[in-house]
C-alpha cells in the first residue's frame, strides 16, 4: 500500500521594499470594491457583496448585452433600431437622455455612445426592445446572463437603472462586469473614454461624459472608464478604471452624498491604489522554489518551479519580507513530465488575500528500473512490518 501525504514546506520570501508606510483607506462610500487587474488582487472590500440600488451603473449590463450581440453577429454598428413611445417617455420622466424622438432610427453605434456618454435612459429602452422585443423580457435575460458571467448579487428589472425596489447589484458584481467589458471587448472599450456625444445636436447641456476622472489631466495615471450612477435612493456612485504604466485598477463605489464627494473619493481611491502598493517579482519563471519527493522514480526528488514570473502586489508597509508555503500531495509518483502541475505555492501577503500560484515539475522524472522498484518496495515493507517493532531503528544498521 502506497501512502500519499499532503506535504507542506514553509518558506520565507526575502522581499525588501524601500517605500513609505502604507495607510489604510477609510472610504466615505457605503459600499466599495477596489481591484488591481494586473495582479488580480482585491485591494478593498467594504460591503462589496451587499446588493444596493445600482442606478445608471447598471447600464453596464445593458451595454454588455449589446456588445455580445455585436460579437455574435446578431447586429452590426450600422444596424438601426426603432424608437417607441416607451423610450421617449423616459425623457419626459426626467433623468439622463440622448433626446430620441419616435421618428428616429438610431444606429447601434449611436446608441452605444448615448448610453455610455449621455447615460441615456431612452437609449437603453431602445436597445432592450431592439434585442428582445420588450424591456421586461430583456431585463429577465440580463439577470439570467448576469448569473452566467459571475454576477452573484444582481437582479435587473429594467435596462436603464431606473429606480425599482427589486433592482439590485453589488459593488463586486459591478467591478466584475467592468473588468469583463475591458477584457472581452477591447474594440469597443475606448468609447468609455470619450468625453462628448451630442445626438443630432439636440442636447448640448447633456453632451458631456459625467465621469469625473476623465477630466483629470495632471495625474501620471490615466482614467478611461466606466460609468457613473445617481438616484436619490442610491446616492452617487461610479465604476471607474485607470492605468499607470502596466498596472490597471478598477473600482466600484456607491452611496456618496453628492457629485463633488464622488469625484473626490474616486480620485483618492485611484491615488491610494497606485501609491500604496508596489508590484514586485517574488519568483521567476523556471526558478526552483522547492524540491518534492518522488515515489518509484529514477530520481528521488524533482524541482518545483513556477511556469511564469510570479508578480504580486505588496503593501508599501511590508519591510521584513513575506512567508510562503509549498503544498503538494506526495511523494509524487513517477513518471513525471516536465511542466506538469504538481504543487501549489501560497504566498501570504500582509493585509491582502493569499496569492496562489501553480508550480510545475522542473524536469522529467522517469519511472525507476527494477532495482529502484525492488529497493523502494523493501524499504516500504520495512516501514510497515519491521519499524513498528524496533522503535524505528534498522536492525541491520551499525551501532553508533
Protein backbone atom coordinates (compact mmCIF):
# COMPACT_ATOMS: atom_id res chain seq x y z
CA UNK A 1 0.00 0.00 0.00
CA UNK A 2 1.41 3.37 -1.03
CA UNK A 3 0.62 6.11 1.48
CA UNK A 4 0.34 9.58 -0.05
CA UNK A 5 0.69 12.54 2.29
CA UNK A 6 -0.06 16.20 1.93
CA UNK A 7 3.38 17.76 2.18
CA UNK A 8 3.89 21.35 3.25
CA UNK A 9 7.10 23.37 3.13
CA UNK A 10 7.24 26.81 4.76
CA UNK A 11 9.48 29.29 3.02
CA UNK A 12 10.48 32.89 3.61
CA UNK A 13 10.49 35.27 0.68
CA UNK A 14 13.04 37.97 1.38
CA UNK A 15 11.45 40.92 -0.38
CA UNK A 16 12.64 44.30 0.88
CA UNK A 17 10.71 47.40 -0.15
CA UNK A 18 12.12 50.89 0.04
CA UNK A 19 8.85 52.74 0.43
CA UNK A 20 6.81 54.82 2.82
CA UNK A 21 4.41 53.03 5.16
CA UNK A 22 1.05 52.25 3.60
CA UNK A 23 -2.06 53.79 5.08
CA UNK A 24 -5.45 52.20 5.34
CA UNK A 25 -8.06 53.90 3.20
CA UNK A 26 -11.32 54.67 5.00
CA UNK A 27 -13.70 55.37 2.15
CA UNK A 28 -16.81 57.50 2.62
CA UNK A 29 -18.69 55.24 0.23
CA UNK A 30 -21.27 52.97 1.85
CA UNK A 31 -20.06 50.11 -0.36
CA UNK A 32 -16.82 49.75 -2.32
CA UNK A 33 -14.68 47.24 -4.20
CA UNK A 34 -11.18 48.04 -5.49
CA UNK A 35 -9.28 45.58 -7.67
CA UNK A 36 -5.85 45.54 -9.26
CA UNK A 37 -6.48 43.83 -12.60
CA UNK A 38 -2.80 43.35 -13.42
CA UNK A 39 -2.10 41.16 -10.39
CA UNK A 40 -5.71 40.03 -9.78
CA UNK A 41 -5.63 41.43 -6.25
CA UNK A 42 -8.58 42.76 -4.26
CA UNK A 43 -7.33 45.93 -2.53
CA UNK A 44 -10.54 46.97 -0.80
CA UNK A 45 -13.77 45.23 0.12
CA UNK A 46 -16.32 47.30 2.01
CA UNK A 47 -19.79 45.76 1.88
CA UNK A 48 -18.76 44.65 -1.61
CA UNK A 49 -21.33 41.84 -1.76
CA UNK A 50 -24.23 43.88 -0.40
CA UNK A 51 -26.98 44.31 -3.04
CA UNK A 52 -27.72 48.03 -3.43
CA UNK A 53 -29.63 50.18 -5.92
CA UNK A 54 -27.18 50.49 -8.84
CA UNK A 55 -28.77 53.49 -10.59
CA UNK A 56 -27.21 54.13 -14.01
CA UNK A 57 -24.19 51.96 -13.23
CA UNK A 58 -26.43 49.02 -14.18
CA UNK A 59 -26.34 50.33 -17.76
CA UNK A 60 -23.03 48.47 -17.98
CA UNK A 61 -25.05 45.26 -18.20
CA UNK A 62 -27.21 46.64 -20.99
CA UNK A 63 -24.03 47.68 -22.78
CA UNK A 64 -22.57 44.22 -22.22
CA UNK A 65 -25.66 42.61 -23.75
CA UNK A 66 -25.33 44.82 -26.83
CA UNK A 67 -21.58 44.15 -27.12
CA UNK A 68 -22.32 40.43 -27.02
CA UNK A 69 -24.89 40.85 -29.79
CA UNK A 70 -22.23 42.61 -31.85
CA UNK A 71 -19.71 39.86 -31.21
CA UNK A 72 -22.24 37.18 -32.12
CA UNK A 73 -23.13 38.92 -35.38
CA UNK A 74 -26.76 39.49 -34.43
CA UNK A 75 -26.29 43.21 -35.05
CA UNK A 76 -23.61 45.48 -36.52
CA UNK A 77 -22.62 49.01 -35.60
CA UNK A 78 -24.76 50.21 -38.53
CA UNK A 79 -27.89 48.29 -37.50
CA UNK A 80 -30.77 50.68 -36.77
CA UNK A 81 -33.47 50.32 -34.10
CA UNK A 82 -36.94 51.84 -33.85
CA UNK A 83 -37.78 54.31 -31.07
CA UNK A 84 -41.00 53.53 -29.20
CA UNK A 85 -43.22 55.81 -27.17
CA UNK A 86 -41.99 53.98 -24.09
CA UNK A 87 -38.46 55.11 -24.92
CA UNK A 88 -39.42 58.75 -25.39
CA UNK A 89 -41.46 58.58 -22.17
CA UNK A 90 -38.15 58.12 -20.34
CA UNK A 91 -37.14 61.61 -21.48
CA UNK A 92 -40.42 63.09 -20.27
CA UNK A 93 -39.93 61.47 -16.87
CA UNK A 94 -36.67 63.33 -16.39
CA UNK A 95 -33.25 61.87 -15.83
CA UNK A 96 -30.49 61.27 -18.33
CA UNK A 97 -31.37 61.16 -22.02
CA UNK A 98 -29.96 61.37 -25.53
CA UNK A 99 -33.23 63.05 -26.62
CA UNK A 100 -34.51 60.44 -29.02
CA UNK A 101 -37.77 61.01 -30.87
CA UNK A 102 -40.19 58.43 -32.22
CA UNK A 103 -39.32 59.11 -35.85
CA UNK A 104 -35.60 58.50 -35.20
CA UNK A 105 -33.76 55.37 -36.34
CA UNK A 106 -30.54 55.48 -34.29
CA UNK A 107 -27.72 53.11 -35.16
CA UNK A 108 -26.18 50.71 -32.68
CA UNK A 109 -23.07 52.90 -32.75
CA UNK A 110 -25.11 55.97 -31.79
CA UNK A 111 -26.97 54.08 -29.07
CA UNK A 112 -23.72 52.85 -27.51
CA UNK A 113 -22.45 56.42 -27.35
CA UNK A 114 -25.80 57.58 -26.00
CA UNK A 115 -25.75 55.01 -23.19
CA UNK A 116 -22.09 55.49 -22.22
CA UNK A 117 -21.61 59.24 -22.62
CA UNK A 118 -25.14 60.67 -22.21
CA UNK A 119 -26.27 57.87 -19.85
CA UNK A 120 -29.44 57.90 -21.92
CA UNK A 121 -32.36 56.05 -20.34
CA UNK A 122 -34.18 56.33 -23.64
CA UNK A 123 -31.26 54.68 -25.46
CA UNK A 124 -31.39 51.74 -23.04
CA UNK A 125 -35.08 51.14 -23.72
CA UNK A 126 -34.45 51.23 -27.47
CA UNK A 127 -31.67 48.66 -27.12
CA UNK A 128 -33.80 46.43 -24.88
CA UNK A 129 -36.73 46.46 -27.30
CA UNK A 130 -34.46 46.11 -30.32
CA UNK A 131 -32.77 42.99 -28.95
CA UNK A 132 -35.59 41.30 -27.01
CA UNK A 133 -38.90 42.80 -28.10
CA UNK A 134 -39.82 44.19 -24.68
CA UNK A 135 -37.87 45.74 -21.84
CA UNK A 136 -39.34 43.19 -19.41
CA UNK A 137 -38.01 40.28 -21.48
CA UNK A 138 -34.65 41.99 -21.80
CA UNK A 139 -34.38 42.56 -18.03
CA UNK A 140 -35.07 38.87 -17.40
CA UNK A 141 -32.34 37.98 -19.89
CA UNK A 142 -29.97 40.42 -18.18
CA UNK A 143 -30.50 38.66 -14.85
CA UNK A 144 -30.00 35.22 -16.37
CA UNK A 145 -26.93 36.28 -18.32
CA UNK A 146 -25.54 38.04 -15.25
CA UNK A 147 -25.57 34.80 -13.30
CA UNK A 148 -23.79 33.03 -16.16
CA UNK A 149 -20.91 35.53 -16.14
CA UNK A 150 -20.47 35.51 -12.37
CA UNK A 151 -22.73 38.28 -11.08
CA UNK A 152 -23.98 36.63 -7.88
CA UNK A 153 -25.83 39.57 -6.32
CA UNK A 154 -27.55 41.19 -9.30
CA UNK A 155 -31.23 41.35 -10.22
CA UNK A 156 -32.38 43.51 -13.12
CA UNK A 157 -35.88 44.89 -13.59
CA UNK A 158 -35.19 47.34 -16.41
CA UNK A 159 -32.48 48.28 -18.87
CA UNK A 160 -31.62 51.75 -17.57
CA UNK A 161 -31.25 51.53 -13.80
CA UNK A 162 -34.48 53.46 -13.25
CA UNK A 163 -35.43 53.05 -9.55
CA UNK A 164 -37.17 49.78 -8.77
CA UNK A 165 -37.40 48.14 -5.32
CA UNK A 166 -36.13 44.83 -6.74
CA UNK A 167 -33.35 46.25 -8.93
CA UNK A 168 -30.08 45.50 -7.14
CA UNK A 169 -26.36 44.98 -7.81
CA UNK A 170 -23.32 44.65 -5.57
CA UNK A 171 -20.09 46.60 -5.97
CA UNK A 172 -18.19 43.38 -6.60
CA UNK A 173 -20.63 42.49 -9.40
CA UNK A 174 -20.22 45.93 -10.94
CA UNK A 175 -16.45 45.61 -10.76
CA UNK A 176 -16.54 42.13 -12.33
CA UNK A 177 -18.78 43.50 -15.07
CA UNK A 178 -16.43 46.40 -15.73
CA UNK A 179 -13.48 44.00 -15.87
CA UNK A 180 -15.36 41.90 -18.41
CA UNK A 181 -16.05 44.88 -20.67
CA UNK A 182 -12.36 45.80 -20.62
CA UNK A 183 -11.07 42.30 -21.32
CA UNK A 184 -13.75 40.88 -23.62
CA UNK A 185 -14.45 43.90 -25.82
CA UNK A 186 -11.22 45.84 -26.42
CA UNK A 187 -12.50 47.05 -29.78
CA UNK A 188 -15.41 48.91 -28.15
CA UNK A 189 -13.99 49.78 -24.74
CA UNK A 190 -12.26 53.04 -25.87
CA UNK A 191 -15.73 54.59 -26.23
CA UNK A 192 -15.86 54.77 -22.43
CA UNK A 193 -13.05 57.35 -22.51
CA UNK A 194 -14.83 59.67 -24.96
CA UNK A 195 -15.98 62.84 -23.31
CA UNK A 196 -18.73 64.19 -25.62
CA UNK A 197 -21.61 62.96 -27.75
CA UNK A 198 -24.48 65.14 -28.95
CA UNK A 199 -27.05 63.15 -30.96
CA UNK A 200 -28.35 65.32 -33.82
CA UNK A 201 -27.12 68.39 -31.90
CA UNK A 202 -30.20 68.17 -29.65
CA UNK A 203 -28.62 68.11 -26.22
CA UNK A 204 -25.60 70.33 -25.73
CA UNK A 205 -26.33 70.51 -22.00
CA UNK A 206 -26.28 66.72 -21.72
CA UNK A 207 -23.47 66.01 -24.17
CA UNK A 208 -20.64 65.60 -21.64
CA UNK A 209 -19.49 62.36 -20.06
CA UNK A 210 -20.19 62.59 -16.32
CA UNK A 211 -17.17 60.51 -15.27
CA UNK A 212 -15.15 62.99 -13.17
CA UNK A 213 -11.88 61.07 -13.58
CA UNK A 214 -11.82 61.76 -17.33
CA UNK A 215 -11.35 65.45 -16.56
CA UNK A 216 -8.11 64.93 -14.63
CA UNK A 217 -5.16 65.73 -16.85
CA UNK A 218 -2.41 66.45 -14.30
CA UNK A 219 -2.09 62.95 -12.82
CA UNK A 220 0.52 60.47 -14.06
CA UNK A 221 -2.25 57.87 -14.30
CA UNK A 222 -5.00 57.99 -16.90
CA UNK A 223 -8.65 57.13 -16.40
CA UNK A 224 -10.54 55.54 -19.30
CA UNK A 225 -13.92 54.42 -17.92
CA UNK A 226 -16.51 53.41 -16.94
CA UNK A 227 -19.93 54.61 -15.69
CA UNK A 228 -21.48 56.97 -13.16
CA UNK A 229 -24.78 56.50 -11.39
CA UNK A 230 -27.12 58.58 -9.23
CA UNK A 231 -30.60 58.39 -7.78
CA UNK A 232 -31.95 59.78 -4.53
CA UNK A 233 -32.07 56.26 -3.07
CA UNK A 234 -28.68 55.07 -4.35
CA UNK A 235 -26.70 58.25 -3.82
CA UNK A 236 -23.78 58.97 -6.12
CA UNK A 237 -21.64 56.12 -7.44
CA UNK A 238 -19.03 55.28 -10.03
CA UNK A 239 -17.49 52.27 -11.69
CA UNK A 240 -14.06 53.53 -12.66
CA UNK A 241 -10.83 52.32 -14.21
CA UNK A 242 -7.40 53.87 -14.51
CA UNK A 243 -3.97 52.94 -15.86
CA UNK A 244 -0.48 53.67 -14.52
CA UNK A 245 2.26 52.04 -16.56
CA UNK A 246 1.35 48.38 -16.91
CA UNK A 247 -0.99 48.42 -13.91
CA UNK A 248 -4.76 48.80 -14.22
CA UNK A 249 -7.04 49.43 -11.26
CA UNK A 250 -10.80 49.07 -11.41
CA UNK A 251 -13.23 50.05 -8.67
CA UNK A 252 -16.91 50.42 -7.86
CA UNK A 253 -18.28 52.73 -5.18
CA UNK A 254 -21.78 53.78 -4.15
CA UNK A 255 -23.62 55.86 -1.59
CA UNK A 256 -21.72 59.16 -1.83
CA UNK A 257 -23.74 62.26 -0.86
CA UNK A 258 -23.10 64.41 -3.96
CA UNK A 259 -21.15 64.58 -7.20
CA UNK A 260 -18.33 66.54 -5.53
CA UNK A 261 -17.82 63.79 -2.96
CA UNK A 262 -17.94 61.20 -5.73
CA UNK A 263 -15.23 63.00 -7.70
CA UNK A 264 -13.00 63.45 -4.65
CA UNK A 265 -13.44 59.88 -3.44
CA UNK A 266 -12.80 58.38 -6.86
CA UNK A 267 -9.55 60.29 -7.33
CA UNK A 268 -8.42 59.46 -3.79
CA UNK A 269 -9.08 55.74 -4.31
CA UNK A 270 -7.06 55.67 -7.54
CA UNK A 271 -4.17 57.54 -5.95
CA UNK A 272 -4.23 55.21 -2.93
CA UNK A 273 -4.29 52.08 -5.10
CA UNK A 274 -1.32 53.21 -7.19
CA UNK A 275 0.77 54.84 -4.43
CA UNK A 276 0.33 52.48 -1.51
CA UNK A 277 1.03 49.20 -3.30
CA UNK A 278 4.06 48.09 -5.28
CA UNK A 279 4.22 45.38 -7.90
CA UNK A 280 7.15 43.03 -7.22
CA UNK A 281 8.53 39.84 -8.75
CA UNK A 282 8.80 37.29 -5.93
CA UNK A 283 9.75 34.28 -8.09
CA UNK A 284 10.94 33.99 -11.66
CA UNK A 285 9.76 31.57 -14.30
CA UNK A 286 11.75 28.32 -14.14
CA UNK A 287 13.46 29.29 -10.88
CA UNK A 288 13.40 26.42 -8.38
CA UNK A 289 11.26 27.13 -5.35
CA UNK A 290 11.45 23.75 -3.61
CA UNK A 291 12.04 20.02 -4.07
CA UNK A 292 9.32 17.36 -3.97
CA UNK A 293 9.92 13.72 -3.06
CA UNK A 294 9.31 11.19 -5.86
CA UNK A 295 7.99 7.63 -5.47
CA UNK A 296 9.36 4.84 -7.67
CA UNK A 297 11.32 7.29 -9.81
CA UNK A 298 14.74 7.27 -11.43
CA UNK A 299 15.36 10.33 -9.25
CA UNK A 300 14.43 10.67 -5.59
CA UNK A 301 13.12 14.22 -5.99
CA UNK A 302 12.10 16.81 -8.56
CA UNK A 303 12.40 20.58 -8.56
CA UNK A 304 9.26 22.71 -8.29
CA UNK A 305 9.22 25.89 -10.39
CA UNK A 306 6.62 28.49 -11.46
CA UNK A 307 5.75 28.34 -15.13
CA UNK A 308 5.62 32.14 -15.31
CA UNK A 309 7.11 35.03 -13.35
CA UNK A 310 5.22 35.48 -10.08
CA UNK A 311 4.43 39.18 -9.77
CA UNK A 312 2.47 40.22 -6.72
CA UNK A 313 1.12 43.44 -5.32
CA UNK A 314 2.68 44.23 -1.96
CA UNK A 315 1.65 46.94 0.54
CA UNK A 316 4.35 49.56 0.91
CA UNK A 317 4.38 48.94 4.66
CA UNK A 318 5.84 45.42 4.20
CA UNK A 319 9.52 45.80 5.10
CA UNK A 320 10.53 42.46 6.61
CA UNK A 321 9.55 40.02 3.85
CA UNK A 322 6.69 37.59 3.24
CA UNK A 323 6.11 33.94 4.02
CA UNK A 324 5.03 31.25 1.61
CA UNK A 325 4.00 27.61 1.66
CA UNK A 326 4.57 24.96 -0.98
CA UNK A 327 1.86 22.30 -0.84
CA UNK A 328 1.69 19.03 -2.75
CA UNK A 329 0.31 15.57 -2.24
CA UNK A 330 3.27 13.26 -2.18
CA UNK A 331 5.55 11.69 -2.67
CA UNK A 332 4.84 12.29 -6.34
CA UNK A 333 4.53 9.12 -8.39
CA UNK A 334 6.88 8.63 -11.35
CA UNK A 335 6.86 9.05 -14.27
CA UNK A 336 6.56 12.84 -14.08
CA UNK A 337 6.56 15.06 -17.17
CA UNK A 338 8.46 18.33 -17.22
CA UNK A 339 5.98 21.22 -16.97
CA UNK A 340 3.23 19.16 -15.34
CA UNK A 341 1.49 20.98 -12.49
CA UNK A 342 2.30 19.06 -9.33
CA UNK A 343 2.20 21.59 -6.47
CA UNK A 344 0.99 24.99 -5.36
CA UNK A 345 2.79 28.00 -3.93
CA UNK A 346 0.71 30.00 -1.44
CA UNK A 347 2.16 33.42 -0.64
CA UNK A 348 0.96 35.21 2.47
CA UNK A 349 1.00 38.99 2.00
CA UNK A 350 0.02 41.15 4.98
CA UNK A 351 -3.37 42.86 4.63
CA UNK A 352 -4.10 41.20 1.27
CA UNK A 353 -5.65 37.89 0.22
CA UNK A 354 -3.25 34.96 -0.16
CA UNK A 355 -1.79 34.56 -3.63
CA UNK A 356 -1.98 31.00 -5.00
CA UNK A 357 0.44 30.09 -7.78
CA UNK A 358 0.70 26.69 -9.54
CA UNK A 359 4.11 25.03 -9.52
CA UNK A 360 5.28 22.62 -12.23
CA UNK A 361 7.92 19.93 -12.45
CA UNK A 362 11.34 21.33 -13.34
CA UNK A 363 12.44 18.20 -15.25
CA UNK A 364 11.18 14.86 -16.47
CA UNK A 365 11.46 12.04 -13.96
CA UNK A 366 11.32 8.57 -15.49
CA UNK A 367 9.97 5.53 -13.69
CA UNK A 368 12.73 3.75 -11.84
CA UNK A 369 14.21 0.49 -13.07
CA UNK A 370 13.82 -2.95 -11.47
CA UNK A 371 16.48 -2.25 -8.84
CA UNK A 372 14.83 1.03 -7.82
CA UNK A 373 11.42 -0.57 -7.54
CA UNK A 374 12.85 -3.51 -5.54
CA UNK A 375 14.70 -1.32 -3.05
CA UNK A 376 11.71 1.01 -2.70
CA UNK A 377 9.39 -1.93 -2.04
CA UNK A 378 11.84 -3.38 0.53
CA UNK A 379 12.09 -0.06 2.31
CA UNK A 380 8.32 0.25 2.36
CA UNK A 381 7.89 -3.27 3.76
CA UNK A 382 10.41 -2.47 6.46
CA UNK A 383 8.47 0.71 7.37
CA UNK A 384 5.20 -1.22 7.64
CA UNK A 385 6.22 -4.50 9.29
CA UNK A 386 9.61 -4.04 10.98
CA UNK A 387 9.89 -0.45 12.16
CA UNK A 388 6.85 -0.60 14.49
CA UNK A 389 8.55 -3.45 16.45
CA UNK A 390 12.05 -1.96 16.61
CA UNK A 391 11.24 1.59 17.58
CA UNK A 392 12.04 2.67 14.06
CA UNK A 393 15.68 1.53 14.18
CA UNK A 394 17.04 -0.54 11.32
CA UNK A 395 18.49 -3.70 12.97
CA UNK A 396 20.98 -4.04 10.13
CA UNK A 397 22.45 -0.61 10.77
CA UNK A 398 25.82 -0.49 12.62
CA UNK A 399 25.80 0.60 16.27
CA UNK A 400 26.86 4.14 16.89
